[in-house]
Amino acid sequence: MGHGRTPLRTAAAGAVSAALIAGTVVGLAPAAQAAPAVRFVDITGDGGTVLKANVLTPAGADGTRDYPLVVLPTSWGLPQIEYLAQAQKLADSGYVVLTYNVRGFWQSGGQIEVAGPPDIADASKVIDWALAHTPADPQRVGMAGVSYGAGISLLAAAHDKRIKAVAALSGWADLIDSIYSGRTQHVQAAAVLDGAGTLTGRESPELREIFDNLYASDLSKEQQMIDWGRKRSAGTYVDQLNSNGAAVMLANAWGDTVFPANQYAGFYEKLTGPKRLELRPGDHATAELTGLFGLPNDVWTDTERWFDHYLRGADNGIDREQPVQLKSRSAGGYEGYPDWKSVGATRRKIALAGSTTIHANVDSGADGGIVFLSSILDQVAQLPPIASMPLLPRRWAAVWQSERYGTAQQVRGTALLHTTLTPTKESGTLVAYLYDVGPLGIGKLVTHAPLSWHGRTPGEPFGVDLDLFSTAYDVPAGHRLAVVVDTVDPLYTEHNPSGAQLTFSSPSDDPSYVSVPLREQ
């Protein structure tokens, strides 16, 4: 991880406070209404750790029949009342619903293990308790959760065959590809998680070491971190999950700055059982947020439909819909596709011609925004981060532009950057951006991604292939696309030594380009 430069994390710290305040309000808002039906209980988890939980049963449950069970592990940093509004709805629909505070947070015992083996064992212990103390049907068990709860639900389904259906909302399938994609620390996202964990829980020594090594860019501990993350990623256990046969619904937001959509899409393609992938505008957990208040919400509506079909046998049609459902960041309703590869059915290349050299260590003005804030603005007001193409300083930013398009271009899926790079130092970082540029040269961010490298020979060119973060964005007719590459972005840690320069070239036998996926029209 080298000697990286970590930008100031004031915005991230603010996001922690905002997220925790919002989370507490979310949890408390429905509590008064739901409280009469709620029973608060203690459950003994793995190793004797006490987990604080609450359980709701359908009205009129008298022990003469069983009901499907839905288990809801809490999100990172949120209390056990997080899901009360949705739990009440599920109970009213005929489910036993058990929410528990994951170990290490709030009043539950233990330390934060980040979906490690104790957390997965806890999930099974919670199911054991529910089957022993509620009218839950052992043949109809489901798990769902937002963020941390989503990741734990997926991992539990890979390890416990009793789980027949999962709804993993704003979660992860590859932890390292989430916080360390392109060998680059997603430092603002990590700071939010670290801050929330410190404020609301008790980090394990192992987790504290992981965060410290991440911030310190300690390359000697890189493999240790990767191994730690793989153990906590559902993608590692996809064969077990497929063998168990659970029906898996995945939902995420295009602008998720904690768990980018790419890693969910790749995981979805590896699933062989009943599956569904939903992607919408927003940032981490913002698409589900109104549902936690008990307000109408597409994600939670589809979650209940998923459980109704796969746990209750309801013929509600969700299994006959196109399994990949996308909503563009620009406008319009949902688009259905038979699989992920059909999303960007055609591709258009933007040539990165010529040879361009940029200097490192200075933010050019092109960046991915601020964790949470920027993607929320995009979600509610269609205001992504912007940059003026004519004003970007070419000393610190390489810029290429396409021709003006005569028709609207519906970008769908994952854009790919392919280029030849010659650095002057052995380590470095680049950040690639794709912009929608209007007539005045103002670019709206379509997508981006970072990439870092170490151990390269200065002055020796090497090939770069970088997947940008998946998205759905409509470029209006008369606009063009622009590719910008620079070296500094406040979202990430930079690994360029002082004075470093990067040269991008396009050899005749291996031309450079960005391949943009487009919806078939």
Protein backbone atom coordinates (compact mmCIF):
# COMPACT_ATOMS: atom_id res chain seq x y z
CA MET A 1 0.00 0.00 0.00
CA GLY A 2 3.08 2.21 0.06
CA HIS A 3 3.43 5.64 1.57
CA GLY A 4 0.07 7.07 0.57
CA ARG A 5 -1.28 10.54 1.05
CA THR A 6 -4.54 10.57 3.01
CA PRO A 7 -6.71 13.69 2.50
CA LEU A 8 -8.44 15.43 5.38
CA ARG A 9 -11.45 13.44 6.55
CA THR A 10 -13.57 16.26 7.98
CA ALA A 11 -16.39 15.53 5.55
CA ALA A 12 -16.29 11.87 6.43
CA ALA A 13 -16.47 12.61 10.15
CA GLY A 14 -19.46 14.83 9.50
CA ALA A 15 -21.08 12.05 7.54
CA VAL A 16 -20.66 9.74 10.54
CA SER A 17 -22.55 12.15 12.77
CA ALA A 18 -25.26 12.71 10.18
CA ALA A 19 -25.67 9.01 9.54
CA LEU A 20 -25.94 8.18 13.23
CA ILE A 21 -28.44 10.95 13.90
CA ALA A 22 -30.51 9.86 10.89
CA GLY A 23 -30.25 6.23 11.95
CA THR A 24 -31.47 6.96 15.45
CA VAL A 25 -34.40 8.97 14.13
CA VAL A 26 -35.18 6.21 11.65
CA GLY A 27 -35.22 3.66 14.40
CA LEU A 28 -37.21 5.70 16.89
CA ALA A 29 -39.83 7.13 14.54
CA PRO A 30 -42.00 4.01 14.29
CA ALA A 31 -41.24 2.72 17.80
CA ALA A 32 -44.24 4.22 19.56
CA GLN A 33 -46.65 2.73 17.06
CA ALA A 34 -44.94 -0.67 16.90
CA ALA A 35 -44.04 -1.01 20.60
CA PRO A 36 -47.21 -2.82 21.83
CA ALA A 37 -46.45 -5.81 19.59
CA VAL A 38 -42.72 -5.94 20.28
CA ARG A 39 -41.05 -8.31 22.73
CA PHE A 40 -37.45 -7.46 23.66
CA VAL A 41 -35.31 -10.49 24.40
CA ASP A 42 -31.74 -11.58 25.09
CA ILE A 43 -30.29 -14.31 22.88
CA THR A 44 -27.12 -16.23 23.68
CA GLY A 45 -24.87 -16.06 20.66
CA ASP A 46 -21.63 -17.79 19.78
CA GLY A 47 -19.32 -18.32 22.75
CA GLY A 48 -21.99 -17.14 25.20
CA THR A 49 -22.11 -13.56 23.87
CA VAL A 50 -25.45 -11.91 24.68
CA LEU A 51 -27.25 -10.43 21.67
CA LYS A 52 -30.00 -7.88 22.26
CA ALA A 53 -33.01 -8.58 20.06
CA ASN A 54 -36.70 -7.96 19.52
CA VAL A 55 -39.35 -10.26 18.10
CA LEU A 56 -42.79 -9.73 16.61
CA THR A 57 -45.33 -12.46 15.92
CA PRO A 58 -48.48 -12.27 13.79
CA ALA A 59 -51.61 -11.13 15.57
CA GLY A 60 -53.63 -14.07 16.79
CA ALA A 61 -50.73 -16.52 16.85
CA ASP A 62 -51.89 -19.16 19.33
CA GLY A 63 -49.43 -22.00 18.83
CA THR A 64 -51.68 -24.01 16.53
CA ARG A 65 -49.72 -23.18 13.37
CA ASP A 66 -46.27 -22.15 12.22
CA TYR A 67 -45.30 -18.97 10.37
CA PRO A 68 -42.38 -18.13 8.09
CA LEU A 69 -39.46 -16.52 9.92
CA VAL A 70 -37.51 -13.45 8.81
CA VAL A 71 -34.32 -12.60 10.71
CA LEU A 72 -32.96 -9.04 10.42
CA PRO A 73 -29.37 -8.34 11.58
CA THR A 74 -28.81 -4.63 12.20
CA SER A 75 -26.78 -2.26 10.07
CA TRP A 76 -23.35 -1.03 11.08
CA GLY A 77 -23.72 1.33 14.03
CA LEU A 78 -27.52 1.24 14.30
CA PRO A 79 -29.58 -0.01 17.27
CA GLN A 80 -31.97 -2.95 17.29
CA ILE A 81 -35.02 -0.75 16.71
CA GLU A 82 -33.73 0.05 13.20
CA TYR A 83 -36.20 -2.19 11.37
CA LEU A 84 -39.30 -1.83 13.57
CA ALA A 85 -41.45 -0.23 10.87
CA GLN A 86 -40.72 -2.95 8.33
CA ALA A 87 -40.80 -5.69 10.96
CA GLN A 88 -44.31 -4.60 11.94
CA LYS A 89 -45.41 -4.73 8.30
CA LEU A 90 -43.99 -8.21 7.89
CA ALA A 91 -45.61 -9.40 11.12
CA ASP A 92 -48.94 -7.97 9.99
CA SER A 93 -48.51 -10.01 6.79
CA GLY A 94 -48.02 -13.25 8.69
CA TYR A 95 -44.31 -13.49 9.50
CA VAL A 96 -42.43 -14.04 12.72
CA VAL A 97 -39.80 -11.29 12.60
CA LEU A 98 -36.69 -11.24 14.77
CA THR A 99 -34.27 -8.32 14.72
CA TYR A 100 -31.00 -8.52 16.62
CA ASN A 101 -28.16 -6.14 17.30
CA VAL A 102 -25.03 -7.71 15.88
CA ARG A 103 -22.20 -8.36 18.30
CA GLY A 104 -19.97 -5.46 19.25
CA PHE A 105 -22.60 -2.74 18.77
CA TRP A 106 -24.81 -0.93 21.24
CA GLN A 107 -26.07 -3.20 24.04
CA SER A 108 -25.06 -6.51 22.49
CA GLY A 109 -21.94 -8.10 23.93
CA GLY A 110 -18.68 -8.96 22.24
CA GLN A 111 -16.56 -6.97 19.84
CA ILE A 112 -17.01 -5.91 16.22
CA GLU A 113 -15.82 -8.83 14.08
CA VAL A 114 -16.91 -7.43 10.66
CA ALA A 115 -19.00 -10.43 9.62
CA GLY A 116 -16.33 -12.83 10.81
CA PRO A 117 -16.94 -16.43 11.91
CA PRO A 118 -18.50 -15.42 15.28
CA ASP A 119 -21.05 -13.25 13.45
CA ILE A 120 -22.02 -16.09 11.13
CA ALA A 121 -22.32 -18.46 14.10
CA ASP A 122 -24.47 -15.83 15.84
CA ALA A 123 -26.93 -15.84 12.93
CA SER A 124 -27.44 -19.58 13.30
CA LYS A 125 -27.85 -19.22 17.08
CA VAL A 126 -30.52 -16.57 16.51
CA ILE A 127 -32.39 -18.91 14.16
CA ASP A 128 -32.09 -21.67 16.77
CA TRP A 129 -33.62 -19.38 19.40
CA ALA A 130 -36.48 -18.30 17.14
CA LEU A 131 -37.37 -21.89 16.28
CA ALA A 132 -37.38 -22.79 19.98
CA HIS A 133 -39.27 -19.76 21.32
CA THR A 134 -41.64 -18.59 18.57
CA PRO A 135 -44.16 -20.23 16.20
CA ALA A 136 -41.57 -20.12 13.39
CA ASP A 137 -41.50 -22.77 10.67
CA PRO A 138 -38.01 -24.35 10.32
CA GLN A 139 -38.70 -24.99 6.63
CA ARG A 140 -39.41 -21.32 5.86
CA VAL A 141 -36.54 -19.18 7.14
CA GLY A 142 -35.37 -15.96 5.51
CA MET A 143 -32.80 -13.28 6.32
CA ALA A 144 -32.60 -9.67 5.24
CA GLY A 145 -30.68 -6.58 6.19
CA VAL A 146 -29.29 -3.24 5.12
CA SER A 147 -25.54 -2.68 4.78
CA TYR A 148 -23.80 -4.74 7.48
CA GLY A 149 -26.98 -6.75 7.94
CA ALA A 150 -26.98 -7.53 4.21
CA GLY A 151 -23.45 -8.87 4.24
CA ILE A 152 -24.11 -11.03 7.30
CA SER A 153 -27.33 -12.36 5.72
CA LEU A 154 -25.51 -13.49 2.57
CA LEU A 155 -22.71 -15.12 4.53
CA ALA A 156 -25.16 -16.84 6.86
CA ALA A 157 -27.10 -18.26 3.90
CA ALA A 158 -23.87 -19.78 2.59
CA HIS A 159 -23.23 -21.47 5.95
CA ASP A 160 -26.74 -22.41 7.15
CA LYS A 161 -28.92 -24.52 4.86
CA ARG A 162 -32.06 -23.59 6.79
CA ILE A 163 -32.05 -20.13 5.18
CA LYS A 164 -34.24 -20.39 2.08
CA ALA A 165 -34.40 -16.75 0.98
CA VAL A 166 -32.22 -13.65 1.40
CA ALA A 167 -32.69 -9.96 0.65
CA ALA A 168 -29.30 -8.23 0.87
CA LEU A 169 -29.82 -4.46 0.62
CA SER A 170 -26.87 -2.09 0.11
CA GLY A 171 -24.48 -4.85 1.07
CA TRP A 172 -21.27 -6.38 -0.18
CA ALA A 173 -20.16 -9.63 -1.75
CA ASP A 174 -16.47 -8.66 -1.99
CA LEU A 175 -15.24 -6.61 0.96
CA ILE A 176 -11.81 -5.85 -0.48
CA ASP A 177 -13.21 -4.79 -3.86
CA SER A 178 -15.44 -2.43 -1.89
CA ILE A 179 -12.94 -0.56 0.29
CA TYR A 180 -9.73 -1.29 -1.64
CA SER A 181 -10.68 -1.53 -5.32
CA GLY A 182 -7.84 -0.83 -7.70
CA ARG A 183 -5.41 -1.35 -4.78
CA THR A 184 -6.55 2.06 -3.56
CA GLN A 185 -7.85 2.85 -0.09
CA HIS A 186 -11.39 4.28 -0.16
CA VAL A 187 -10.38 6.43 2.76
CA GLN A 188 -13.54 8.53 3.24
CA ALA A 189 -15.71 5.41 3.28
CA ALA A 190 -13.32 3.69 5.68
CA ALA A 191 -13.36 6.74 7.96
CA VAL A 192 -17.17 6.68 8.09
CA LEU A 193 -17.17 3.00 9.08
CA ASP A 194 -14.36 3.51 11.58
CA GLY A 195 -16.00 6.55 13.14
CA ALA A 196 -19.39 4.88 13.45
CA GLY A 197 -17.83 1.75 14.91
CA THR A 198 -15.90 3.76 17.48
CA LEU A 199 -18.95 5.79 18.51
CA THR A 200 -21.50 2.99 18.76
CA GLY A 201 -19.50 -0.17 19.35
CA ARG A 202 -16.33 -1.89 20.45
CA GLU A 203 -13.82 -2.63 17.71
CA SER A 204 -11.87 -5.86 18.03
CA PRO A 205 -8.05 -5.55 18.11
CA GLU A 206 -7.99 -7.23 14.69
CA LEU A 207 -10.32 -4.61 13.21
CA ARG A 208 -8.35 -1.78 14.79
CA GLU A 209 -5.20 -3.17 13.20
CA ILE A 210 -6.91 -3.42 9.80
CA PHE A 211 -8.00 0.22 9.92
CA ASP A 212 -4.59 1.40 11.12
CA ASN A 213 -2.78 -0.50 8.38
CA LEU A 214 -5.22 0.82 5.79
CA TYR A 215 -4.61 4.42 6.81
CA ALA A 216 -0.84 3.88 7.05
CA SER A 217 -0.65 2.32 3.56
CA ASP A 218 1.44 -0.50 5.01
CA LEU A 219 2.22 -2.71 2.00
CA SER A 220 3.73 -5.39 4.21
CA LYS A 221 0.24 -5.96 5.64
CA GLU A 222 -1.63 -5.83 2.32
CA GLN A 223 -1.99 -9.60 1.88
CA GLN A 224 -3.10 -9.94 5.50
CA MET A 225 -5.88 -7.43 4.83
CA ILE A 226 -6.90 -9.19 1.62
CA ASP A 227 -7.09 -12.54 3.41
CA TRP A 228 -9.10 -10.95 6.21
CA GLY A 229 -11.54 -9.49 3.67
CA ARG A 230 -11.95 -12.68 1.68
CA LYS A 231 -13.00 -14.56 4.81
CA ARG A 232 -15.77 -11.97 5.19
CA SER A 233 -17.00 -11.92 1.58
CA ALA A 234 -19.95 -13.93 0.29
CA GLY A 235 -18.16 -14.23 -3.05
CA THR A 236 -15.65 -16.56 -1.37
CA TYR A 237 -18.48 -18.95 -0.50
CA VAL A 238 -20.59 -18.65 -3.65
CA ASP A 239 -20.35 -22.38 -4.35
CA GLN A 240 -21.74 -23.14 -0.88
CA LEU A 241 -24.49 -20.59 -1.35
CA ASN A 242 -25.43 -22.11 -4.71
CA SER A 243 -25.38 -25.60 -3.21
CA ASN A 244 -27.70 -24.53 -0.41
CA GLY A 245 -30.12 -23.15 -2.99
CA ALA A 246 -31.28 -19.99 -1.22
CA ALA A 247 -33.22 -17.47 -3.33
CA VAL A 248 -31.07 -14.31 -3.32
CA MET A 249 -32.25 -10.76 -3.93
CA LEU A 250 -29.54 -8.10 -4.16
CA ALA A 251 -30.28 -4.36 -4.13
CA ASN A 252 -27.82 -1.50 -4.27
CA ALA A 253 -27.42 2.12 -5.36
CA TRP A 254 -25.37 3.35 -8.32
CA GLY A 255 -23.53 5.89 -6.19
CA ASP A 256 -22.81 3.66 -3.17
CA THR A 257 -19.51 5.03 -1.86
CA VAL A 258 -19.09 2.19 0.66
CA PHE A 259 -20.05 -0.87 -1.41
CA PRO A 260 -19.92 0.02 -5.15
CA ALA A 261 -22.38 -1.68 -7.48
CA ASN A 262 -19.69 -3.51 -9.50
CA GLN A 263 -18.95 -6.09 -6.85
CA TYR A 264 -22.66 -6.93 -6.47
CA ALA A 265 -23.14 -7.29 -10.23
CA GLY A 266 -20.17 -9.65 -10.54
CA PHE A 267 -21.45 -11.74 -7.65
CA TYR A 268 -24.95 -11.86 -9.12
CA GLU A 269 -23.63 -13.44 -12.31
CA LYS A 270 -22.11 -16.30 -10.29
CA LEU A 271 -25.36 -17.22 -8.55
CA THR A 272 -27.15 -20.24 -10.02
CA GLY A 273 -30.32 -20.35 -7.92
CA PRO A 274 -33.33 -17.99 -7.94
CA LYS A 275 -31.89 -14.48 -8.01
CA ARG A 276 -32.74 -10.84 -8.55
CA LEU A 277 -30.57 -7.70 -8.88
CA GLU A 278 -31.95 -4.20 -8.36
CA LEU A 279 -29.89 -1.03 -8.88
CA ARG A 280 -31.17 2.50 -8.31
CA PRO A 281 -29.91 6.08 -7.87
CA GLY A 282 -28.51 6.97 -4.47
CA ASP A 283 -25.67 6.30 -2.07
CA HIS A 284 -25.11 3.76 0.66
CA ALA A 285 -28.47 2.69 2.16
CA THR A 286 -30.24 5.84 0.95
CA ALA A 287 -32.55 3.91 -1.40
CA GLU A 288 -33.93 1.95 1.58
CA LEU A 289 -34.10 4.90 3.95
CA THR A 290 -37.73 5.98 3.59
CA GLY A 291 -38.83 2.40 4.17
CA LEU A 292 -37.16 2.43 7.58
CA PHE A 293 -39.53 5.29 8.44
CA GLY A 294 -42.44 3.10 7.38
CA LEU A 295 -43.04 5.12 4.20
CA PRO A 296 -43.69 3.53 0.79
CA ASN A 297 -40.41 2.25 -0.61
CA ASP A 298 -39.70 0.16 -3.71
CA VAL A 299 -36.81 -1.76 -2.15
CA TRP A 300 -38.79 -2.90 0.87
CA THR A 301 -41.87 -3.63 -1.24
CA ASP A 302 -39.81 -5.96 -3.44
CA THR A 303 -38.19 -7.49 -0.36
CA GLU A 304 -41.60 -8.47 1.00
CA ARG A 305 -42.67 -9.75 -2.43
CA TRP A 306 -39.47 -11.85 -2.54
CA PHE A 307 -40.23 -13.43 0.83
CA ASP A 308 -43.92 -13.84 0.00
CA HIS A 309 -43.01 -15.93 -3.03
CA TYR A 310 -40.07 -17.94 -1.72
CA LEU A 311 -41.21 -18.43 1.89
CA ARG A 312 -44.99 -18.39 1.59
CA GLY A 313 -45.42 -19.69 -1.95
CA ALA A 314 -47.41 -16.66 -3.11
CA ASP A 315 -47.92 -16.48 -6.87
CA ASN A 316 -47.14 -12.75 -7.05
CA GLY A 317 -45.19 -12.84 -10.32
CA ILE A 318 -41.82 -11.72 -8.97
CA ASP A 319 -40.23 -14.93 -10.27
CA ARG A 320 -41.52 -14.18 -13.79
CA GLU A 321 -40.23 -10.61 -13.99
CA GLN A 322 -36.93 -9.80 -15.65
CA PRO A 323 -34.45 -10.58 -12.84
CA VAL A 324 -32.23 -7.52 -13.38
CA GLN A 325 -34.12 -4.31 -12.62
CA LEU A 326 -32.40 -0.95 -13.12
CA LYS A 327 -33.43 2.65 -12.69
CA SER A 328 -31.42 5.33 -14.47
CA ARG A 329 -29.94 8.20 -12.50
CA SER A 330 -31.34 10.58 -15.12
CA ALA A 331 -35.07 9.84 -15.29
CA GLY A 332 -37.69 7.30 -16.17
CA GLY A 333 -38.97 4.09 -14.67
CA TYR A 334 -37.49 0.65 -14.20
CA GLU A 335 -35.82 -1.26 -17.02
CA GLY A 336 -35.79 -5.05 -16.98
CA TYR A 337 -33.03 -7.28 -18.36
CA PRO A 338 -32.61 -11.06 -18.46
CA ASP A 339 -29.06 -10.87 -17.05
CA TRP A 340 -26.27 -8.42 -16.24
CA LYS A 341 -24.42 -8.81 -19.55
CA SER A 342 -27.54 -7.68 -21.43
CA VAL A 343 -27.55 -4.33 -19.62
CA GLY A 344 -24.87 -2.74 -21.82
CA ALA A 345 -25.64 -4.69 -24.98
CA THR A 346 -23.58 -2.45 -27.26
CA ARG A 347 -20.36 -0.51 -26.74
CA ARG A 348 -18.94 2.71 -28.12
CA LYS A 349 -15.26 3.55 -27.82
CA ILE A 350 -13.76 6.94 -27.07
CA ALA A 351 -10.23 7.07 -28.47
CA LEU A 352 -7.52 8.31 -26.09
CA ALA A 353 -5.24 9.43 -28.90
CA GLY A 354 -1.75 10.87 -28.75
CA SER A 355 0.67 11.09 -25.86
CA THR A 356 -0.16 13.13 -22.77
CA THR A 357 1.92 13.76 -19.64
CA ILE A 358 0.48 15.00 -16.35
CA HIS A 359 2.07 15.93 -13.03
CA ALA A 360 0.93 14.29 -9.81
CA ASN A 361 0.11 15.43 -6.26
CA VAL A 362 -2.38 18.19 -7.13
CA ASP A 363 -6.17 17.88 -7.33
CA SER A 364 -7.12 19.08 -10.81
CA GLY A 365 -10.69 19.91 -9.83
CA ALA A 366 -12.10 16.68 -11.22
CA ASP A 367 -13.17 14.41 -8.38
CA GLY A 368 -15.79 11.93 -7.23
CA GLY A 369 -17.33 14.27 -4.66
CA ILE A 370 -17.92 13.74 -0.95
CA VAL A 371 -18.99 10.45 0.58
CA PHE A 372 -22.81 10.33 0.95
CA LEU A 373 -23.41 14.00 0.14
CA SER A 374 -22.63 13.95 -3.58
CA SER A 375 -24.60 10.82 -4.46
CA ILE A 376 -27.55 11.94 -2.35
CA LEU A 377 -27.64 15.22 -4.30
CA ASP A 378 -27.55 13.16 -7.48
CA GLN A 379 -30.37 10.95 -6.18
CA VAL A 380 -32.76 13.71 -5.12
CA ALA A 381 -31.84 16.56 -7.50
CA GLN A 382 -29.80 14.97 -10.32
CA LEU A 383 -26.82 17.11 -9.31
CA PRO A 384 -23.68 14.96 -9.54
CA PRO A 385 -20.21 16.46 -9.09
CA ILE A 386 -19.32 18.82 -11.95
CA ALA A 387 -16.16 20.11 -13.61
CA SER A 388 -15.47 22.60 -16.39
CA MET A 389 -13.59 20.84 -19.17
CA PRO A 390 -12.01 24.05 -20.59
CA LEU A 391 -10.82 25.10 -17.12
CA LEU A 392 -9.27 21.82 -16.01
CA PRO A 393 -5.50 22.48 -15.79
CA ARG A 394 -3.79 20.24 -18.34
CA ARG A 395 -0.65 20.15 -16.21
CA TRP A 396 -2.53 17.97 -13.70
CA ALA A 397 -5.34 16.46 -15.79
CA ALA A 398 -5.40 14.58 -19.08
CA VAL A 399 -8.59 15.25 -21.05
CA TRP A 400 -10.08 13.56 -24.10
CA GLN A 401 -13.52 14.23 -25.57
CA SER A 402 -15.83 12.39 -27.94
CA GLU A 403 -17.72 13.96 -30.81
CA ARG A 404 -21.10 15.50 -30.09
CA TYR A 405 -23.80 12.85 -30.18
CA GLY A 406 -26.80 13.41 -32.43
CA THR A 407 -29.00 11.19 -30.28
CA ALA A 408 -29.25 10.47 -26.57
CA GLN A 409 -26.74 7.93 -25.28
CA GLN A 410 -28.08 5.65 -22.55
CA VAL A 411 -25.00 4.56 -20.61
CA ARG A 412 -25.71 1.26 -18.84
CA GLY A 413 -23.25 -0.97 -17.03
CA THR A 414 -19.49 -0.84 -16.59
CA ALA A 415 -17.20 1.39 -18.68
CA LEU A 416 -13.63 0.17 -19.24
CA LEU A 417 -10.46 2.26 -19.48
CA HIS A 418 -7.63 0.73 -21.54
CA THR A 419 -4.38 2.63 -21.91
CA THR A 420 -0.59 2.45 -21.80
CA LEU A 421 0.99 4.22 -18.83
CA THR A 422 4.60 5.24 -18.26
CA PRO A 423 5.33 6.48 -14.71
CA THR A 424 8.44 8.25 -13.47
CA LYS A 425 8.22 6.57 -10.05
CA GLU A 426 7.72 2.96 -8.99
CA SER A 427 4.41 3.65 -7.19
CA GLY A 428 1.47 5.80 -8.12
CA THR A 429 -2.26 6.44 -8.34
CA LEU A 430 -4.55 7.60 -11.10
CA VAL A 431 -8.25 8.36 -11.00
CA ALA A 432 -10.26 8.10 -14.22
CA TYR A 433 -13.53 9.98 -14.73
CA LEU A 434 -16.24 9.93 -17.38
CA TYR A 435 -18.24 13.15 -17.79
CA ASP A 436 -21.38 14.18 -19.64
CA VAL A 437 -20.36 17.50 -21.22
CA GLY A 438 -22.92 20.10 -22.32
CA PRO A 439 -22.54 22.92 -24.87
CA LEU A 440 -20.82 25.23 -22.35
CA GLY A 441 -18.17 22.66 -21.48
CA ILE A 442 -19.57 21.87 -18.03
CA GLY A 443 -19.25 18.18 -17.28
CA LYS A 444 -21.51 16.16 -14.99
CA LEU A 445 -19.87 13.10 -13.50
CA VAL A 446 -21.13 9.86 -15.04
CA THR A 447 -18.71 7.49 -13.30
CA HIS A 448 -15.13 7.12 -12.13
CA ALA A 449 -12.67 4.74 -10.43
CA PRO A 450 -9.18 4.82 -8.87
CA LEU A 451 -6.15 2.65 -9.60
CA SER A 452 -2.84 2.35 -7.74
CA TRP A 453 0.34 0.39 -8.48
CA HIS A 454 3.59 -0.48 -6.76
CA GLY A 455 6.92 -1.96 -7.77
CA ARG A 456 6.90 -0.66 -11.35
CA THR A 457 10.11 0.26 -13.15
CA PRO A 458 10.28 4.05 -13.66
CA GLY A 459 10.24 4.95 -17.35
CA GLU A 460 8.92 1.54 -18.43
CA PRO A 461 5.40 1.51 -19.95
CA PHE A 462 2.76 -0.96 -18.84
CA GLY A 463 -0.83 -1.67 -19.82
CA VAL A 464 -3.77 -0.52 -17.73
CA ASP A 465 -7.27 -1.99 -17.76
CA LEU A 466 -9.61 -0.36 -15.26
CA ASP A 467 -13.32 -0.99 -14.75
CA LEU A 468 -15.10 2.22 -13.79
CA PHE A 469 -17.95 1.98 -11.31
CA SER A 470 -21.13 0.62 -12.90
CA THR A 471 -23.87 3.15 -13.58
CA ALA A 472 -26.99 4.03 -15.55
CA TYR A 473 -26.98 7.56 -16.96
CA ASP A 474 -28.62 9.21 -19.98
CA VAL A 475 -26.43 11.60 -22.00
CA PRO A 476 -28.70 14.09 -23.83
CA ALA A 477 -28.52 14.57 -27.59
CA GLY A 478 -26.08 17.34 -28.48
CA HIS A 479 -23.76 16.51 -25.57
CA ARG A 480 -20.46 14.68 -25.65
CA LEU A 481 -18.58 12.39 -23.29
CA ALA A 482 -15.23 13.37 -21.83
CA VAL A 483 -12.56 11.21 -20.22
CA VAL A 484 -10.44 12.87 -17.55
CA VAL A 485 -7.52 11.30 -15.72
CA ASP A 486 -5.74 12.90 -12.78
CA THR A 487 -3.92 11.74 -9.65
CA VAL A 488 -5.73 13.12 -6.58
CA ASP A 489 -9.28 12.62 -5.30
CA PRO A 490 -10.42 13.33 -1.72
CA LEU A 491 -12.31 10.02 -1.66
CA TYR A 492 -9.09 8.02 -1.93
CA THR A 493 -5.52 7.74 -0.70
CA GLU A 494 -2.91 8.87 -3.24
CA HIS A 495 0.31 6.89 -3.75
CA ASN A 496 2.24 9.23 -6.06
CA PRO A 497 5.63 10.28 -4.67
CA SER A 498 6.41 13.99 -4.81
CA GLY A 499 7.34 15.12 -8.30
CA ALA A 500 5.87 12.08 -10.03
CA GLN A 501 4.68 12.34 -13.62
CA LEU A 502 2.45 10.01 -15.63
CA THR A 503 2.52 9.68 -19.41
CA PHE A 504 -0.43 8.16 -21.27
CA SER A 505 0.22 6.91 -24.79
CA SER A 506 -1.68 5.09 -27.50
CA PRO A 507 0.62 2.70 -29.43
CA SER A 508 -0.52 1.86 -32.95
CA ASP A 509 -0.58 -1.85 -32.13
CA ASP A 510 -2.49 -1.32 -28.86
CA PRO A 511 -4.53 1.89 -29.04
CA SER A 512 -5.93 3.44 -25.88
CA TYR A 513 -9.64 3.94 -25.36
CA VAL A 514 -12.57 4.01 -22.98
CA SER A 515 -15.27 1.51 -23.88
CA VAL A 516 -18.70 2.83 -22.89
CA PRO A 517 -21.61 0.36 -22.48
CA LEU A 518 -24.87 1.50 -24.02
CA ARG A 519 -28.41 0.26 -23.75
CA GLU A 520 -29.68 -1.36 -26.93
CA GLN A 521 -32.13 1.00 -28.61
